[in-house]
């Protein structure tokens, strides 16, 4: 094995040092907002990337990004929301913009998405099922919706898991059903994303 450069200067960390983000409603800051074109589907969506702005988990996703030593890396997909803004979804897109306006005094949407960077919102993170590369399933804590900051303290976040088919099941029942499978912190809280520098939200 080749010697790793500056290995003696690296701080050792145990597997138990990783603490996944719990489900909940958090004060978030928008790190980036842009129109995203999907080459496979040919469709455009509005991609919003956030980080935790206050409390115990402040800068959670920034720290995760900075600790990623891979050459090609991007913002963790669990803190990214893709919003459709066509057809019947226009109303929901306008709902997101209204949430941002209500959470940031004096801000008014003017069709310049770059001005969304740095704005505060309430982000709700919940359990979602996903399919792994080997075809098995796991769950992760992912950004699912936005709310106005003034509603933050009143939001009750369900511990149900959104399954791949769109239905929901209670977390306990989901874990019992899959208790025979090994579940690591990474599997529960999600860590794997497709990596490209062009998607870096800064």
C-alpha atoms as a PDB file:
ATOM      1  CA  UNK A   1       0.000   0.000   0.000  1.00  0.00           C
ATOM      2  CA  UNK A   2       1.283   3.448  -0.865  1.00  0.00           C
ATOM      3  CA  UNK A   3       1.924   5.896   1.962  1.00  0.00           C
ATOM      4  CA  UNK A   4      -0.851   8.487   2.322  1.00  0.00           C
ATOM      5  CA  UNK A   5       0.519  12.016   2.282  1.00  0.00           C
ATOM      6  CA  UNK A   6       0.359  13.848   5.663  1.00  0.00           C
ATOM      7  CA  UNK A   7      -1.280  10.791   7.240  1.00  0.00           C
ATOM      8  CA  UNK A   8       0.189  11.632  10.665  1.00  0.00           C
ATOM      9  CA  UNK A   9      -1.534  15.031  10.610  1.00  0.00           C
ATOM     10  CA  UNK A  10      -5.014  13.623   9.980  1.00  0.00           C
ATOM     11  CA  UNK A  11      -7.357  13.465  12.984  1.00  0.00           C
ATOM     12  CA  UNK A  12      -8.639   9.922  13.515  1.00  0.00           C
ATOM     13  CA  UNK A  13     -12.402   9.442  13.689  1.00  0.00           C
ATOM     14  CA  UNK A  14     -14.403   6.404  14.727  1.00  0.00           C
ATOM     15  CA  UNK A  15     -17.520   5.133  12.994  1.00  0.00           C
ATOM     16  CA  UNK A  16     -19.553   6.234  16.004  1.00  0.00           C
ATOM     17  CA  UNK A  17     -18.519   9.873  15.438  1.00  0.00           C
ATOM     18  CA  UNK A  18     -21.118  10.143  12.669  1.00  0.00           C
ATOM     19  CA  UNK A  19     -24.472  11.424  13.834  1.00  0.00           C
ATOM     20  CA  UNK A  20     -27.240  11.461  11.310  1.00  0.00           C
ATOM     21  CA  UNK A  21     -29.658  14.355  11.053  1.00  0.00           C
ATOM     22  CA  UNK A  22     -32.895  13.491  12.913  1.00  0.00           C
ATOM     23  CA  UNK A  23     -36.252  14.038  11.263  1.00  0.00           C
ATOM     24  CA  UNK A  24     -37.718  17.426  12.094  1.00  0.00           C
ATOM     25  CA  UNK A  25     -38.367  21.008  11.027  1.00  0.00           C
ATOM     26  CA  UNK A  26     -35.278  23.210  10.847  1.00  0.00           C
ATOM     27  CA  UNK A  27     -34.441  26.814  10.140  1.00  0.00           C
ATOM     28  CA  UNK A  28     -32.593  26.555   6.829  1.00  0.00           C
ATOM     29  CA  UNK A  29     -30.666  28.857   4.542  1.00  0.00           C
ATOM     30  CA  UNK A  30     -30.866  28.545   0.765  1.00  0.00           C
ATOM     31  CA  UNK A  31     -27.384  27.794  -0.555  1.00  0.00           C
ATOM     32  CA  UNK A  32     -28.350  27.761  -4.223  1.00  0.00           C
ATOM     33  CA  UNK A  33     -31.414  27.919  -6.463  1.00  0.00           C
ATOM     34  CA  UNK A  34     -31.365  27.305 -10.196  1.00  0.00           C
ATOM     35  CA  UNK A  35     -33.212  25.821 -13.149  1.00  0.00           C
ATOM     36  CA  UNK A  36     -32.013  22.245 -13.579  1.00  0.00           C
ATOM     37  CA  UNK A  37     -32.238  20.433 -16.914  1.00  0.00           C
ATOM     38  CA  UNK A  38     -32.515  16.639 -16.820  1.00  0.00           C
ATOM     39  CA  UNK A  39     -30.779  15.228 -19.892  1.00  0.00           C
ATOM     40  CA  UNK A  40     -32.574  11.872 -19.617  1.00  0.00           C
ATOM     41  CA  UNK A  41     -36.141  13.166 -19.318  1.00  0.00           C
ATOM     42  CA  UNK A  42     -35.579  16.411 -21.182  1.00  0.00           C
ATOM     43  CA  UNK A  43     -37.531  18.221 -18.453  1.00  0.00           C
ATOM     44  CA  UNK A  44     -36.587  21.276 -16.410  1.00  0.00           C
ATOM     45  CA  UNK A  45     -37.113  21.570 -12.664  1.00  0.00           C
ATOM     46  CA  UNK A  46     -36.214  24.211 -10.106  1.00  0.00           C
ATOM     47  CA  UNK A  47     -33.416  22.884  -7.893  1.00  0.00           C
ATOM     48  CA  UNK A  48     -33.133  24.304  -4.358  1.00  0.00           C
ATOM     49  CA  UNK A  49     -30.166  23.382  -2.123  1.00  0.00           C
ATOM     50  CA  UNK A  50     -30.239  24.251   1.590  1.00  0.00           C
ATOM     51  CA  UNK A  51     -28.263  23.901   4.789  1.00  0.00           C
ATOM     52  CA  UNK A  52     -29.254  24.027   8.455  1.00  0.00           C
ATOM     53  CA  UNK A  53     -28.996  27.652   9.605  1.00  0.00           C
ATOM     54  CA  UNK A  54     -29.192  27.404  13.396  1.00  0.00           C
ATOM     55  CA  UNK A  55     -29.209  25.100  16.388  1.00  0.00           C
ATOM     56  CA  UNK A  56     -27.304  21.918  17.156  1.00  0.00           C
ATOM     57  CA  UNK A  57     -27.045  20.894  13.499  1.00  0.00           C
ATOM     58  CA  UNK A  58     -26.037  24.289  12.092  1.00  0.00           C
ATOM     59  CA  UNK A  59     -23.928  23.936   8.891  1.00  0.00           C
ATOM     60  CA  UNK A  60     -24.588  20.179   8.876  1.00  0.00           C
ATOM     61  CA  UNK A  61     -24.415  19.739   5.122  1.00  0.00           C
ATOM     62  CA  UNK A  62     -21.564  22.218   4.629  1.00  0.00           C
ATOM     63  CA  UNK A  63     -19.451  20.211   7.071  1.00  0.00           C
ATOM     64  CA  UNK A  64     -20.414  17.019   5.264  1.00  0.00           C
ATOM     65  CA  UNK A  65     -19.332  18.586   1.988  1.00  0.00           C
ATOM     66  CA  UNK A  66     -16.027  19.838   3.402  1.00  0.00           C
ATOM     67  CA  UNK A  67     -15.247  16.425   4.904  1.00  0.00           C
ATOM     68  CA  UNK A  68     -15.807  14.712   1.554  1.00  0.00           C
ATOM     69  CA  UNK A  69     -12.297  14.022   0.258  1.00  0.00           C
ATOM     70  CA  UNK A  70     -13.374  12.851  -3.192  1.00  0.00           C
ATOM     71  CA  UNK A  71     -12.165  14.900  -6.155  1.00  0.00           C
ATOM     72  CA  UNK A  72     -15.646  15.205  -7.637  1.00  0.00           C
ATOM     73  CA  UNK A  73     -18.247  16.066  -5.044  1.00  0.00           C
ATOM     74  CA  UNK A  74     -21.480  18.001  -4.696  1.00  0.00           C
ATOM     75  CA  UNK A  75     -23.994  19.083  -2.092  1.00  0.00           C
ATOM     76  CA  UNK A  76     -25.669  16.157  -0.361  1.00  0.00           C
ATOM     77  CA  UNK A  77     -28.837  15.238  -2.221  1.00  0.00           C
ATOM     78  CA  UNK A  78     -30.756  14.872   1.052  1.00  0.00           C
ATOM     79  CA  UNK A  79     -30.665  18.695   1.353  1.00  0.00           C
ATOM     80  CA  UNK A  80     -31.871  19.307  -2.197  1.00  0.00           C
ATOM     81  CA  UNK A  81     -35.460  19.713  -3.403  1.00  0.00           C
ATOM     82  CA  UNK A  82     -36.502  19.610  -7.056  1.00  0.00           C
ATOM     83  CA  UNK A  83     -39.647  21.645  -7.750  1.00  0.00           C
ATOM     84  CA  UNK A  84     -41.678  21.352 -10.926  1.00  0.00           C
ATOM     85  CA  UNK A  85     -42.971  24.657 -12.254  1.00  0.00           C
ATOM     86  CA  UNK A  86     -45.142  23.550 -15.177  1.00  0.00           C
ATOM     87  CA  UNK A  87     -48.778  22.513 -15.530  1.00  0.00           C
ATOM     88  CA  UNK A  88     -50.656  21.896 -12.298  1.00  0.00           C
ATOM     89  CA  UNK A  89     -47.406  22.262 -10.331  1.00  0.00           C
ATOM     90  CA  UNK A  90     -47.166  26.017 -10.962  1.00  0.00           C
ATOM     91  CA  UNK A  91     -49.345  26.622  -7.902  1.00  0.00           C
ATOM     92  CA  UNK A  92     -46.974  24.581  -5.690  1.00  0.00           C
ATOM     93  CA  UNK A  93     -43.969  26.440  -7.105  1.00  0.00           C
ATOM     94  CA  UNK A  94     -45.675  29.728  -6.271  1.00  0.00           C
ATOM     95  CA  UNK A  95     -46.314  28.305  -2.802  1.00  0.00           C
ATOM     96  CA  UNK A  96     -42.571  27.820  -2.318  1.00  0.00           C
ATOM     97  CA  UNK A  97     -41.864  31.403  -3.413  1.00  0.00           C
ATOM     98  CA  UNK A  98     -44.560  32.664  -1.041  1.00  0.00           C
ATOM     99  CA  UNK A  99     -42.875  30.737   1.802  1.00  0.00           C
ATOM    100  CA  UNK A 100     -39.582  32.492   1.015  1.00  0.00           C
ATOM    101  CA  UNK A 101     -41.276  35.895   0.866  1.00  0.00           C
ATOM    102  CA  UNK A 102     -43.054  35.299   4.192  1.00  0.00           C
ATOM    103  CA  UNK A 103     -39.811  34.185   5.842  1.00  0.00           C
ATOM    104  CA  UNK A 104     -37.671  37.107   4.680  1.00  0.00           C
ATOM    105  CA  UNK A 105     -38.986  40.574   5.443  1.00  0.00           C
ATOM    106  CA  UNK A 106     -38.762  42.919   2.472  1.00  0.00           C
ATOM    107  CA  UNK A 107     -38.014  40.200  -0.080  1.00  0.00           C
ATOM    108  CA  UNK A 108     -40.211  39.956  -3.173  1.00  0.00           C
ATOM    109  CA  UNK A 109     -39.741  37.376  -5.954  1.00  0.00           C
ATOM    110  CA  UNK A 110     -38.654  39.176  -9.158  1.00  0.00           C
ATOM    111  CA  UNK A 111     -37.735  36.211 -11.397  1.00  0.00           C
ATOM    112  CA  UNK A 112     -34.038  36.483 -10.515  1.00  0.00           C
ATOM    113  CA  UNK A 113     -33.346  33.128  -8.856  1.00  0.00           C
ATOM    114  CA  UNK A 114     -29.825  34.161  -7.807  1.00  0.00           C
ATOM    115  CA  UNK A 115     -31.386  36.432  -5.174  1.00  0.00           C
ATOM    116  CA  UNK A 116     -32.793  33.392  -3.366  1.00  0.00           C
ATOM    117  CA  UNK A 117     -29.298  32.492  -2.154  1.00  0.00           C
ATOM    118  CA  UNK A 118     -28.943  33.344   1.526  1.00  0.00           C
ATOM    119  CA  UNK A 119     -32.679  33.556   2.162  1.00  0.00           C
ATOM    120  CA  UNK A 120     -34.096  31.706   5.173  1.00  0.00           C
ATOM    121  CA  UNK A 121     -36.905  29.126   5.114  1.00  0.00           C
ATOM    122  CA  UNK A 122     -38.194  26.316   7.267  1.00  0.00           C
ATOM    123  CA  UNK A 123     -37.175  22.950   5.845  1.00  0.00           C
ATOM    124  CA  UNK A 124     -38.961  19.756   6.875  1.00  0.00           C
ATOM    125  CA  UNK A 125     -36.842  16.600   6.822  1.00  0.00           C
ATOM    126  CA  UNK A 126     -38.527  13.179   6.898  1.00  0.00           C
ATOM    127  CA  UNK A 127     -37.821   9.510   6.201  1.00  0.00           C
ATOM    128  CA  UNK A 128     -37.817   8.399   2.582  1.00  0.00           C
ATOM    129  CA  UNK A 129     -37.135   4.981   1.102  1.00  0.00           C
ATOM    130  CA  UNK A 130     -34.612   4.690  -1.698  1.00  0.00           C
ATOM    131  CA  UNK A 131     -33.128   1.970  -3.853  1.00  0.00           C
ATOM    132  CA  UNK A 132     -29.419   1.229  -3.468  1.00  0.00           C
ATOM    133  CA  UNK A 133     -27.053   0.383  -6.282  1.00  0.00           C
ATOM    134  CA  UNK A 134     -27.271  -3.317  -5.399  1.00  0.00           C
ATOM    135  CA  UNK A 135     -31.069  -3.281  -5.764  1.00  0.00           C
ATOM    136  CA  UNK A 136     -31.868  -3.452  -2.034  1.00  0.00           C
ATOM    137  CA  UNK A 137     -33.799  -0.726  -0.230  1.00  0.00           C
ATOM    138  CA  UNK A 138     -32.893   1.616   2.601  1.00  0.00           C
ATOM    139  CA  UNK A 139     -34.221   4.788   4.198  1.00  0.00           C
ATOM    140  CA  UNK A 140     -32.743   8.239   4.575  1.00  0.00           C
ATOM    141  CA  UNK A 141     -33.688  11.569   6.149  1.00  0.00           C
ATOM    142  CA  UNK A 142     -34.395  13.949   3.286  1.00  0.00           C
ATOM    143  CA  UNK A 143     -35.752  17.449   2.692  1.00  0.00           C
ATOM    144  CA  UNK A 144     -39.400  16.923   1.786  1.00  0.00           C
ATOM    145  CA  UNK A 145     -41.103  20.327   1.986  1.00  0.00           C
ATOM    146  CA  UNK A 146     -40.754  24.016   2.806  1.00  0.00           C
ATOM    147  CA  UNK A 147     -42.742  26.033   5.329  1.00  0.00           C
ATOM    148  CA  UNK A 148     -42.685  29.641   6.524  1.00  0.00           C
ATOM    149  CA  UNK A 149     -40.311  30.286   9.413  1.00  0.00           C
ATOM    150  CA  UNK A 150     -43.108  31.610  11.622  1.00  0.00           C
ATOM    151  CA  UNK A 151     -44.618  28.111  11.595  1.00  0.00           C
ATOM    152  CA  UNK A 152     -41.384  26.375  12.638  1.00  0.00           C
ATOM    153  CA  UNK A 153     -42.243  25.768  16.296  1.00  0.00           C
ATOM    154  CA  UNK A 154     -45.738  24.488  15.501  1.00  0.00           C
ATOM    155  CA  UNK A 155     -44.768  21.855  12.921  1.00  0.00           C
ATOM    156  CA  UNK A 156     -45.224  18.250  14.010  1.00  0.00           C
ATOM    157  CA  UNK A 157     -43.128  15.965  11.834  1.00  0.00           C
ATOM    158  CA  UNK A 158     -44.446  12.452  11.270  1.00  0.00           C
ATOM    159  CA  UNK A 159     -42.003   9.561  11.637  1.00  0.00           C
ATOM    160  CA  UNK A 160     -43.671   7.671   8.799  1.00  0.00           C
ATOM    161  CA  UNK A 161     -41.517   6.510   5.884  1.00  0.00           C
ATOM    162  CA  UNK A 162     -42.418   7.505   2.336  1.00  0.00           C
ATOM    163  CA  UNK A 163     -41.996   4.371   0.248  1.00  0.00           C
ATOM    164  CA  UNK A 164     -40.818   4.240  -3.355  1.00  0.00           C
ATOM    165  CA  UNK A 165     -44.391   3.688  -4.540  1.00  0.00           C
ATOM    166  CA  UNK A 166     -45.532   6.903  -2.848  1.00  0.00           C
ATOM    167  CA  UNK A 167     -47.345   5.255   0.057  1.00  0.00           C
ATOM    168  CA  UNK A 168     -46.410   5.678   3.733  1.00  0.00           C
ATOM    169  CA  UNK A 169     -45.668   3.260   6.572  1.00  0.00           C
ATOM    170  CA  UNK A 170     -44.796   3.904  10.211  1.00  0.00           C
ATOM    171  CA  UNK A 171     -41.055   3.901  10.938  1.00  0.00           C
ATOM    172  CA  UNK A 172     -41.325   1.134  13.562  1.00  0.00           C
ATOM    173  CA  UNK A 173     -43.219  -1.135  11.191  1.00  0.00           C
ATOM    174  CA  UNK A 174     -40.732  -0.454   8.424  1.00  0.00           C
ATOM    175  CA  UNK A 175     -37.774  -1.342  10.653  1.00  0.00           C
ATOM    176  CA  UNK A 176     -39.468  -4.513  11.946  1.00  0.00           C
ATOM    177  CA  UNK A 177     -40.113  -5.625   8.400  1.00  0.00           C
ATOM    178  CA  UNK A 178     -36.451  -5.102   7.559  1.00  0.00           C
ATOM    179  CA  UNK A 179     -34.915  -6.061  10.919  1.00  0.00           C
ATOM    180  CA  UNK A 180     -33.121  -9.042   9.424  1.00  0.00           C
ATOM    181  CA  UNK A 181     -31.089  -6.715   7.222  1.00  0.00           C
ATOM    182  CA  UNK A 182     -28.036  -4.840   8.398  1.00  0.00           C
ATOM    183  CA  UNK A 183     -28.776  -1.120   8.697  1.00  0.00           C
ATOM    184  CA  UNK A 184     -25.885   1.281   9.167  1.00  0.00           C
ATOM    185  CA  UNK A 185     -26.085   4.997  10.002  1.00  0.00           C
ATOM    186  CA  UNK A 186     -25.191   5.721   6.403  1.00  0.00           C
ATOM    187  CA  UNK A 187     -28.094   3.586   5.167  1.00  0.00           C
ATOM    188  CA  UNK A 188     -30.598   5.267   7.467  1.00  0.00           C
ATOM    189  CA  UNK A 189     -29.491   8.834   6.971  1.00  0.00           C
ATOM    190  CA  UNK A 190     -28.267   8.615   3.396  1.00  0.00           C
ATOM    191  CA  UNK A 191     -24.810   9.523   2.193  1.00  0.00           C
ATOM    192  CA  UNK A 192     -24.590   8.413  -1.416  1.00  0.00           C
ATOM    193  CA  UNK A 193     -25.133  10.964  -4.178  1.00  0.00           C
ATOM    194  CA  UNK A 194     -24.033  11.323  -7.755  1.00  0.00           C
ATOM    195  CA  UNK A 195     -20.988  13.550  -7.794  1.00  0.00           C
ATOM    196  CA  UNK A 196     -20.225  16.305 -10.321  1.00  0.00           C
ATOM    197  CA  UNK A 197     -18.440  19.617  -9.796  1.00  0.00           C
ATOM    198  CA  UNK A 198     -20.850  21.448 -12.113  1.00  0.00           C
ATOM    199  CA  UNK A 199     -23.632  20.972  -9.572  1.00  0.00           C
ATOM    200  CA  UNK A 200     -21.700  22.631  -6.735  1.00  0.00           C
ATOM    201  CA  UNK A 201     -24.184  25.093  -5.190  1.00  0.00           C
ATOM    202  CA  UNK A 202     -21.835  28.046  -4.554  1.00  0.00           C
END
